Protein backbone atom coordinates (compact mmCIF):
# COMPACT_ATOMS: atom_id res chain seq x y z
CA UNK A 1 43.51 58.04 7.04
CA UNK A 2 41.03 61.08 7.83
CA UNK A 3 38.10 61.96 4.99
CA UNK A 4 35.71 64.35 5.20
CA UNK A 5 32.50 64.26 2.93
CA UNK A 6 30.84 67.91 2.10
CA UNK A 7 27.29 67.70 1.48
CA UNK A 8 24.60 70.30 1.48
CA UNK A 9 21.96 68.10 3.41
CA UNK A 10 22.30 64.90 5.28
CA UNK A 11 19.29 63.21 5.34
CA UNK A 12 19.69 59.76 4.10
CA UNK A 13 16.93 57.88 3.18
CA UNK A 14 14.67 60.42 3.79
CA UNK A 15 15.42 62.83 0.61
CA UNK A 16 17.62 62.16 -2.09
CA UNK A 17 20.30 59.92 -3.82
CA UNK A 18 23.10 62.25 -3.33
CA UNK A 19 22.44 61.54 0.57
CA UNK A 20 22.41 57.55 -0.02
CA UNK A 21 24.77 57.39 -2.11
CA UNK A 22 27.70 59.17 0.17
CA UNK A 23 26.03 57.67 3.30
CA UNK A 24 26.71 54.25 1.69
CA UNK A 25 30.33 55.37 0.19
CA UNK A 26 31.18 56.44 4.23
CA UNK A 27 29.85 53.37 5.53
CA UNK A 28 31.79 51.11 2.65
CA UNK A 29 35.04 52.72 3.64
CA UNK A 30 34.51 52.41 7.35
CA UNK A 31 34.84 48.90 6.78
CA UNK A 32 37.70 49.18 5.30
CA UNK A 33 39.68 50.82 8.25
CA UNK A 34 39.18 54.64 6.93
CA UNK A 35 38.19 57.50 9.39
CA UNK A 36 35.01 58.91 7.65
CA UNK A 37 33.13 62.10 8.94
CA UNK A 38 30.53 64.14 7.16
CA UNK A 39 29.97 68.02 6.88
CA UNK A 40 26.69 69.28 5.86
CA UNK A 41 25.48 72.92 5.78
CA UNK A 42 21.55 71.67 6.67
CA UNK A 43 20.78 68.79 9.02
CA UNK A 44 17.51 67.87 10.33
CA UNK A 45 18.70 67.69 13.53
CA UNK A 46 20.29 71.62 14.07
CA UNK A 47 23.19 70.28 15.40
CA UNK A 48 26.46 67.61 15.05
CA UNK A 49 25.17 64.14 15.60
CA UNK A 50 26.11 60.68 14.87
CA UNK A 51 24.07 58.87 12.27
CA UNK A 52 24.58 54.68 11.95
CA UNK A 53 27.99 55.34 12.93
CA UNK A 54 29.14 58.57 11.00
CA UNK A 55 29.73 61.43 12.97
CA UNK A 56 27.69 64.62 10.68
CA UNK A 57 29.44 67.95 11.51
CA UNK A 58 26.79 71.00 11.30
CA UNK A 59 28.63 73.68 9.13
CA UNK A 60 26.18 75.60 8.22
CA UNK A 61 26.77 78.53 5.27
CA UNK A 62 29.55 79.63 6.71
CA UNK A 63 33.22 79.10 5.43
CA UNK A 64 34.37 79.90 8.95
CA UNK A 65 32.87 77.24 10.66
CA UNK A 66 34.26 74.77 7.72
CA UNK A 67 37.72 76.30 7.82
CA UNK A 68 37.38 75.89 11.86
CA UNK A 69 36.72 71.82 11.19
CA UNK A 70 39.46 71.47 8.61
CA UNK A 71 42.08 73.04 10.63
CA UNK A 72 40.67 71.24 14.09
CA UNK A 73 40.62 67.84 12.86
CA UNK A 74 43.20 67.73 9.91
CA UNK A 75 41.86 65.84 7.44
CA UNK A 76 43.45 64.15 4.77
CA UNK A 77 41.09 64.06 2.16
CA UNK A 78 38.05 66.01 1.64
CA UNK A 79 35.53 65.19 -0.66
CA UNK A 80 32.61 67.36 -2.03
CA UNK A 81 29.57 65.59 -2.98
CA UNK A 82 27.75 68.44 -3.82
CA UNK A 83 28.11 71.98 -5.80
CA UNK A 84 25.63 74.98 -4.86
CA UNK A 85 25.24 78.21 -6.98
CA UNK A 86 22.64 79.10 -4.12
CA UNK A 87 24.79 80.27 -1.83
CA UNK A 88 25.67 77.38 -0.53
CA UNK A 89 29.32 75.18 -1.52
CA UNK A 90 30.86 76.89 -4.52
CA UNK A 91 34.54 77.39 -5.01
CA UNK A 92 35.96 79.22 -1.94
CA UNK A 93 34.96 76.24 -0.13
CA UNK A 94 37.18 74.44 -2.69
CA UNK A 95 40.28 76.68 -1.97
CA UNK A 96 39.89 76.34 1.70
CA UNK A 97 40.03 72.76 1.48
CA UNK A 98 42.74 72.70 -0.97
CA UNK A 99 44.38 74.71 2.11
CA UNK A 100 43.85 72.52 4.30
CA UNK A 101 43.92 69.01 3.09
CA UNK A 102 46.34 66.74 1.53
CA UNK A 103 43.76 65.96 -1.39
CA UNK A 104 40.42 67.40 -2.59
CA UNK A 105 38.32 65.53 -4.41
CA UNK A 106 34.57 65.99 -5.86
CA UNK A 107 32.11 63.76 -7.67
CA UNK A 108 29.67 64.67 -10.07
CA UNK A 109 26.03 63.82 -8.81
CA UNK A 110 23.84 66.14 -11.09
CA UNK A 111 25.77 68.04 -14.00
CA UNK A 112 26.86 71.39 -12.01
CA UNK A 113 27.71 74.23 -13.86
CA UNK A 114 26.90 72.66 -17.41
CA UNK A 115 23.95 73.02 -19.32
CA UNK A 116 22.38 76.57 -18.01
CA UNK A 117 18.79 74.98 -18.42
CA UNK A 118 20.06 71.55 -17.02
CA UNK A 119 17.94 69.89 -19.38
CA UNK A 120 20.81 69.67 -22.48
CA UNK A 121 18.01 70.60 -24.73
CA UNK A 122 18.65 72.87 -27.41
CA UNK A 123 15.67 75.02 -27.68
CA UNK A 124 14.05 72.81 -26.03
CA UNK A 125 13.37 70.35 -28.82
CA UNK A 126 16.75 68.46 -29.57
CA UNK A 127 19.63 66.58 -27.74
CA UNK A 128 22.66 69.27 -27.54
CA UNK A 129 25.86 68.10 -26.26
CA UNK A 130 27.64 71.98 -25.70
CA UNK A 131 27.27 73.68 -22.77
CA UNK A 132 30.72 76.15 -23.31
CA UNK A 133 29.59 78.06 -26.41
CA UNK A 134 28.24 81.24 -24.47
CA UNK A 135 26.31 82.72 -27.51
CA UNK A 136 24.61 79.51 -28.64
CA UNK A 137 23.55 78.98 -24.73
CA UNK A 138 22.83 82.23 -24.01
CA UNK A 139 20.25 82.26 -27.53
CA UNK A 140 18.84 78.99 -26.08
CA UNK A 141 18.03 79.82 -22.73
CA UNK A 142 16.21 83.22 -24.08
CA UNK A 143 14.13 81.38 -26.35
CA UNK A 144 13.18 79.27 -24.00
CA UNK A 145 12.51 81.55 -21.55
CA UNK A 146 10.29 83.32 -23.98
CA UNK A 147 8.54 80.11 -25.24
CA UNK A 148 9.23 80.78 -28.82
CA UNK A 149 10.75 77.27 -29.20
CA UNK A 150 8.31 76.07 -30.91
CA UNK A 151 8.21 78.03 -33.54
CA UNK A 152 12.02 77.38 -34.96
CA UNK A 153 10.57 75.00 -37.17
CA UNK A 154 8.25 77.89 -38.87
CA UNK A 155 9.02 80.60 -40.85
CA UNK A 156 9.15 83.22 -38.11
CA UNK A 157 12.07 81.71 -36.63
CA UNK A 158 15.41 82.82 -38.33
CA UNK A 159 13.34 86.50 -38.29
CA UNK A 160 12.98 85.91 -34.51
CA UNK A 161 16.48 84.67 -33.78
CA UNK A 162 18.08 87.32 -35.91
CA UNK A 163 15.89 89.95 -33.67
CA UNK A 164 16.71 88.42 -30.04
CA UNK A 165 21.04 88.24 -31.83
CA UNK A 166 20.66 92.44 -32.57
CA UNK A 167 18.75 93.17 -29.71
CA UNK A 168 21.50 92.83 -26.92
CA UNK A 169 19.33 90.97 -24.50
CA UNK A 170 21.50 88.10 -24.64
CA UNK A 171 24.00 89.58 -22.90
CA UNK A 172 23.55 88.83 -18.99
CA UNK A 173 23.20 85.18 -20.28
CA UNK A 174 26.14 85.32 -22.22
CA UNK A 175 27.72 86.97 -18.87
CA UNK A 176 26.41 84.05 -16.76
CA UNK A 177 27.26 81.55 -18.77
CA UNK A 178 30.67 82.52 -18.94
CA UNK A 179 30.76 82.63 -15.52
CA UNK A 180 29.84 79.02 -14.85
CA UNK A 181 32.58 78.07 -17.64
CA UNK A 182 35.08 80.25 -15.79
CA UNK A 183 34.22 78.56 -12.15
CA UNK A 184 34.02 74.73 -13.53
CA UNK A 185 37.83 75.34 -14.43
CA UNK A 186 37.93 76.79 -11.19
CA UNK A 187 36.52 73.53 -9.86
CA UNK A 188 38.45 71.14 -11.87
CA UNK A 189 41.58 72.73 -11.49
CA UNK A 190 41.25 72.91 -7.08
CA UNK A 191 40.10 68.96 -7.61
CA UNK A 192 42.94 66.05 -7.02
CA UNK A 193 40.30 63.94 -8.61
CA UNK A 194 36.83 64.39 -10.21
CA UNK A 195 34.75 61.27 -10.24
CA UNK A 196 31.69 61.07 -12.42
CA UNK A 197 29.32 58.55 -12.61
CA UNK A 198 28.43 58.02 -16.14
CA UNK A 199 30.06 57.64 -19.22
CA UNK A 200 27.49 60.10 -21.03
CA UNK A 201 28.62 62.94 -18.48
CA UNK A 202 32.13 61.89 -19.03
CA UNK A 203 32.13 61.87 -22.76
CA UNK A 204 30.05 65.41 -22.73
CA UNK A 205 33.15 67.02 -20.54
CA UNK A 206 35.83 65.67 -22.93
CA UNK A 207 33.62 67.25 -25.99
CA UNK A 208 33.77 70.56 -24.20
CA UNK A 209 37.08 70.23 -23.65
CA UNK A 210 37.53 68.57 -20.00
CA UNK A 211 39.47 65.40 -20.61
CA UNK A 212 41.59 65.64 -18.06
CA UNK A 213 43.18 62.37 -16.77
CA UNK A 214 41.74 63.51 -13.38
CA UNK A 215 38.24 62.91 -14.28
CA UNK A 216 37.68 59.55 -13.22
CA UNK A 217 34.51 57.25 -14.34
CA UNK A 218 33.54 55.45 -10.93
CA UNK A 219 31.70 51.77 -11.37
CA UNK A 220 28.58 51.42 -10.50
CA UNK A 221 27.92 50.95 -6.62
CA UNK A 222 28.39 47.98 -5.82
CA UNK A 223 25.34 45.87 -4.82
CA UNK A 224 24.85 43.29 -2.16
CA UNK A 225 23.90 40.15 -3.80
CA UNK A 226 19.98 39.38 -3.82
CA UNK A 227 18.67 36.72 -1.44
CA UNK A 228 17.33 33.71 -2.61
CA UNK A 229 13.71 34.40 -3.02
CA UNK A 230 13.98 38.11 -3.53
CA UNK A 231 13.99 38.66 -7.07
CA UNK A 232 10.93 39.53 -9.24
CA UNK A 233 9.43 36.70 -11.32
CA UNK A 234 9.19 37.98 -14.51
CA UNK A 235 6.85 34.93 -15.62
CA UNK A 236 4.02 36.47 -13.29
CA UNK A 237 2.10 39.98 -14.54
CA UNK A 238 1.24 41.43 -11.22
CA UNK A 239 -0.57 43.94 -13.15
CA UNK A 240 1.65 46.59 -10.94
CA UNK A 241 4.03 50.00 -11.67
CA UNK A 242 6.23 51.88 -8.98
CA UNK A 243 7.16 54.94 -9.17
CA UNK A 244 10.05 56.19 -6.68
CA UNK A 245 11.39 59.55 -6.43
CA UNK A 246 10.83 62.63 -5.16
CA UNK A 247 7.42 64.25 -6.09
CA UNK A 248 8.63 67.09 -8.03
CA UNK A 249 7.69 68.37 -11.50
CA UNK A 250 11.15 67.13 -12.49
CA UNK A 251 10.70 63.67 -12.23
CA UNK A 252 7.52 63.62 -14.65
CA UNK A 253 5.14 62.29 -11.75
CA UNK A 254 2.70 63.82 -14.06
CA UNK A 255 3.51 62.04 -17.14
CA UNK A 256 3.05 59.28 -15.70
CA UNK A 257 -0.09 60.17 -14.74
CA UNK A 258 -1.22 61.15 -17.91
CA UNK A 259 0.05 57.85 -19.40
CA UNK A 260 -2.30 55.81 -17.18
CA UNK A 261 -5.48 58.09 -17.49
CA UNK A 262 -5.15 56.88 -21.32
CA UNK A 263 -4.73 53.30 -20.55
CA UNK A 264 -7.79 50.88 -21.38
CA UNK A 265 -6.29 48.13 -19.33
CA UNK A 266 -7.97 49.23 -15.78
CA UNK A 267 -6.37 46.30 -14.31
CA UNK A 268 -3.32 48.21 -13.83
CA UNK A 269 -2.16 49.86 -10.67
CA UNK A 270 0.79 52.53 -9.93
CA UNK A 271 2.12 52.71 -6.81
CA UNK A 272 4.21 56.43 -5.38
CA UNK A 273 6.62 56.04 -3.46
CA UNK A 274 8.64 59.07 -2.31
CA UNK A 275 9.16 62.65 -0.39
CA UNK A 276 6.34 65.34 -1.34
CA UNK A 277 8.65 68.46 -2.24
CA UNK A 278 5.77 70.03 -4.26
CA UNK A 279 2.47 69.80 -2.57
CA UNK A 280 0.70 71.44 -5.25
CA UNK A 281 1.80 69.23 -7.87
CA UNK A 282 1.12 66.38 -6.25
CA UNK A 283 -2.27 67.15 -5.86
CA UNK A 284 -2.53 67.87 -9.86
CA UNK A 285 -1.11 64.44 -9.93
CA UNK A 286 -3.41 62.80 -8.18
CA UNK A 287 -6.21 65.22 -10.24
CA UNK A 288 -5.10 63.35 -13.58
CA UNK A 289 -4.96 59.63 -12.18
CA UNK A 290 -5.45 58.59 -8.83
CA UNK A 291 -2.27 56.32 -8.12
CA UNK A 292 -1.43 54.52 -4.78
CA UNK A 293 0.69 56.52 -2.51
CA UNK A 294 3.14 55.17 -0.11
CA UNK A 295 4.93 57.48 1.26
CA UNK A 296 8.57 57.06 2.22
CA UNK A 297 10.30 54.15 3.49
CA UNK A 298 13.19 52.98 3.88
CA UNK A 299 16.06 51.55 1.60
CA UNK A 300 15.62 48.35 2.67
CA UNK A 301 11.77 48.11 3.75
CA UNK A 302 11.67 49.00 -0.20
CA UNK A 303 14.08 47.15 -1.78
CA UNK A 304 11.94 44.22 -0.49
CA UNK A 305 8.82 45.41 -2.03
CA UNK A 306 10.49 45.43 -6.14
CA UNK A 307 9.31 41.88 -6.68
CA UNK A 308 5.89 42.69 -6.45
CA UNK A 309 6.10 44.75 -9.33
CA UNK A 310 6.24 44.47 -13.24
CA UNK A 311 8.08 47.25 -14.33
CA UNK A 312 9.77 50.29 -12.41
CA UNK A 313 8.62 53.44 -14.41
CA UNK A 314 11.34 56.27 -14.28
CA UNK A 315 9.60 59.13 -16.82
CA UNK A 316 12.26 62.20 -15.41
CA UNK A 317 11.98 65.34 -17.86
CA UNK A 318 15.62 66.32 -17.03
CA UNK A 319 18.64 64.28 -17.62
CA UNK A 320 19.79 63.11 -14.23
CA UNK A 321 23.35 61.85 -13.97
CA UNK A 322 22.50 58.20 -13.15
CA UNK A 323 19.36 57.33 -11.53
CA UNK A 324 20.84 54.45 -8.99
CA UNK A 325 17.17 53.66 -8.44
CA UNK A 326 17.57 51.85 -12.39
CA UNK A 327 20.72 49.90 -10.61
CA UNK A 328 18.61 48.71 -7.79
CA UNK A 329 15.63 47.87 -10.12
CA UNK A 330 18.03 45.64 -11.97
CA UNK A 331 19.46 44.24 -8.66
CA UNK A 332 16.40 42.96 -8.25
CA UNK A 333 15.47 41.87 -11.68
CA UNK A 334 12.77 44.08 -12.55
CA UNK A 335 12.90 45.75 -16.09
CA UNK A 336 12.57 49.44 -16.15
CA UNK A 337 10.18 51.98 -18.00
CA UNK A 338 12.18 55.18 -18.40
CA UNK A 339 12.69 57.96 -20.42
CA UNK A 340 15.13 58.56 -23.32
CA UNK A 341 17.04 61.47 -21.49
CA UNK A 342 20.74 61.30 -21.32
CA UNK A 343 20.82 59.59 -17.94
CA UNK A 344 18.63 56.33 -18.64
CA UNK A 345 19.64 56.09 -21.57
CA UNK A 346 23.11 55.82 -20.20
CA UNK A 347 22.04 51.99 -18.52
CA UNK A 348 18.76 51.09 -20.15
CA UNK A 349 19.15 49.03 -23.29
CA UNK A 350 15.61 49.02 -24.66
CA UNK A 351 14.22 45.71 -25.11
CA UNK A 352 17.23 44.55 -22.69
CA UNK A 353 16.68 45.63 -19.21
CA UNK A 354 13.82 48.11 -20.19
CA UNK A 355 12.02 50.14 -22.43
CA UNK A 356 12.82 53.72 -23.68
CA UNK A 357 9.86 56.46 -24.14
CA UNK A 358 10.31 59.62 -26.30
CA UNK A 359 11.55 62.51 -23.77
CA UNK A 360 8.63 64.56 -22.36
CA UNK A 361 5.71 62.63 -24.15
CA UNK A 362 2.99 60.74 -22.17
CA UNK A 363 2.01 60.06 -25.84
CA UNK A 364 4.83 57.88 -26.06
CA UNK A 365 4.89 56.86 -22.60
CA UNK A 366 1.20 55.30 -23.05
CA UNK A 367 2.22 53.35 -26.60
CA UNK A 368 5.17 52.50 -24.33
CA UNK A 369 3.58 50.61 -21.39
CA UNK A 370 0.99 49.18 -23.65
CA UNK A 371 4.67 47.93 -25.39
CA UNK A 372 5.59 46.68 -22.17
CA UNK A 373 2.65 44.30 -21.70
CA UNK A 374 2.16 42.70 -24.32
CA UNK A 375 5.94 41.80 -25.10
CA UNK A 376 5.78 40.50 -21.27
CA UNK A 377 2.74 38.63 -22.05
CA UNK A 378 4.67 37.26 -25.16
CA UNK A 379 7.19 35.60 -22.99
CA UNK A 380 9.65 38.64 -22.80
CA UNK A 381 12.33 38.42 -20.50
CA UNK A 382 14.49 40.96 -19.35
CA UNK A 383 18.87 40.30 -19.57
CA UNK A 384 20.58 41.61 -16.03
CA UNK A 385 24.12 41.66 -15.67
CA UNK A 386 25.32 41.74 -12.07
CA UNK A 387 27.77 44.04 -11.21
CA UNK A 388 31.28 42.64 -9.50
CA UNK A 389 30.54 43.82 -6.33
CA UNK A 390 34.21 43.11 -5.07
CA UNK A 391 35.73 44.19 -8.18
CA UNK A 392 33.88 47.69 -7.49
CA UNK A 393 34.73 47.60 -4.16
CA UNK A 394 38.42 47.45 -4.73
CA UNK A 395 38.31 50.21 -7.09
CA UNK A 396 36.30 52.56 -5.09
CA UNK A 397 38.68 52.13 -2.03
CA UNK A 398 41.73 52.40 -4.39
CA UNK A 399 41.12 56.27 -4.93
CA UNK A 400 42.01 56.78 -1.15
CA UNK A 401 44.72 54.51 -0.54
CA UNK A 402 46.77 56.08 -3.18
């Protein structure tokens, strides 16, 4: 069985969760006897290369290169791990895969082609589960762009919304929303299996009319058992928090810095791991609070460090599908303080595995950190359920055997 994984970038361990997950899955399938290769639009080397025994084929943004690769190597399954509307992997790539491969798969690592703004917040102030109503989405998007969402509860809200509705300027947004829905229809129809990593997103798709039996919820990533002595000792207070993620605004580091600047407890320290994707943003966060920047390290080294901390803080300001770093933290008995966004709420049960704070609120994060340490001092201990690695592995492999 020959399998091709398709991604935008392939820099496992250096950039983001998609690459790490894709590489993990490739290695897992290799151990089960599958032939697995990767096709990537961009690689650091600038040419085909082998990374940790996985052959990576550089395609660039060329559908011709992609067609040639599929024609010459005759893969049984083409599994896309990314979709990009910015000149990258789009619907034509799926049609090509359908022509040359026996099966085409796709995994939603992030909520592609759904909420136009990507935050699932209606007018920026409330949770939203609708992405197929072009008029509603266009109105929400325009109000957010004009920064008038703050007025929606005020006396001018109705007047403004009617003025926008009658002006006709939402037309182009309606067209864009409708185009994305059309692409989502095409993507799902072209794929033999569509995988999602989180319950909330599977339900969201179903609520909007996408409830096919070919849309499958994957088990959580099977994790290796933690070696004796590697788990965090939750009875001891280390006075250290850890942030892990790319240094860019959507990850919410600024919220953590603002929260730390408000806390009276000067014993607390924050260590930050991750790539600096936005240098000015990094500098602005440093100006708010002087955290300890640890740079980027290998996954193995990073996981070994987790027992040094009291909590992982995940202050994302967008709803991530399923932040895999949360699962890593749970595996190492490290509780999590996370923003109450959709992806985080799906796996963090407040006061069981950690604590949730109000979405986008530095003030709420401040109080939640304070509460978490008060609970810890009073003897609170998190409760974790271990993933059944053998069962999860068997289920993952089964999708490539049938």
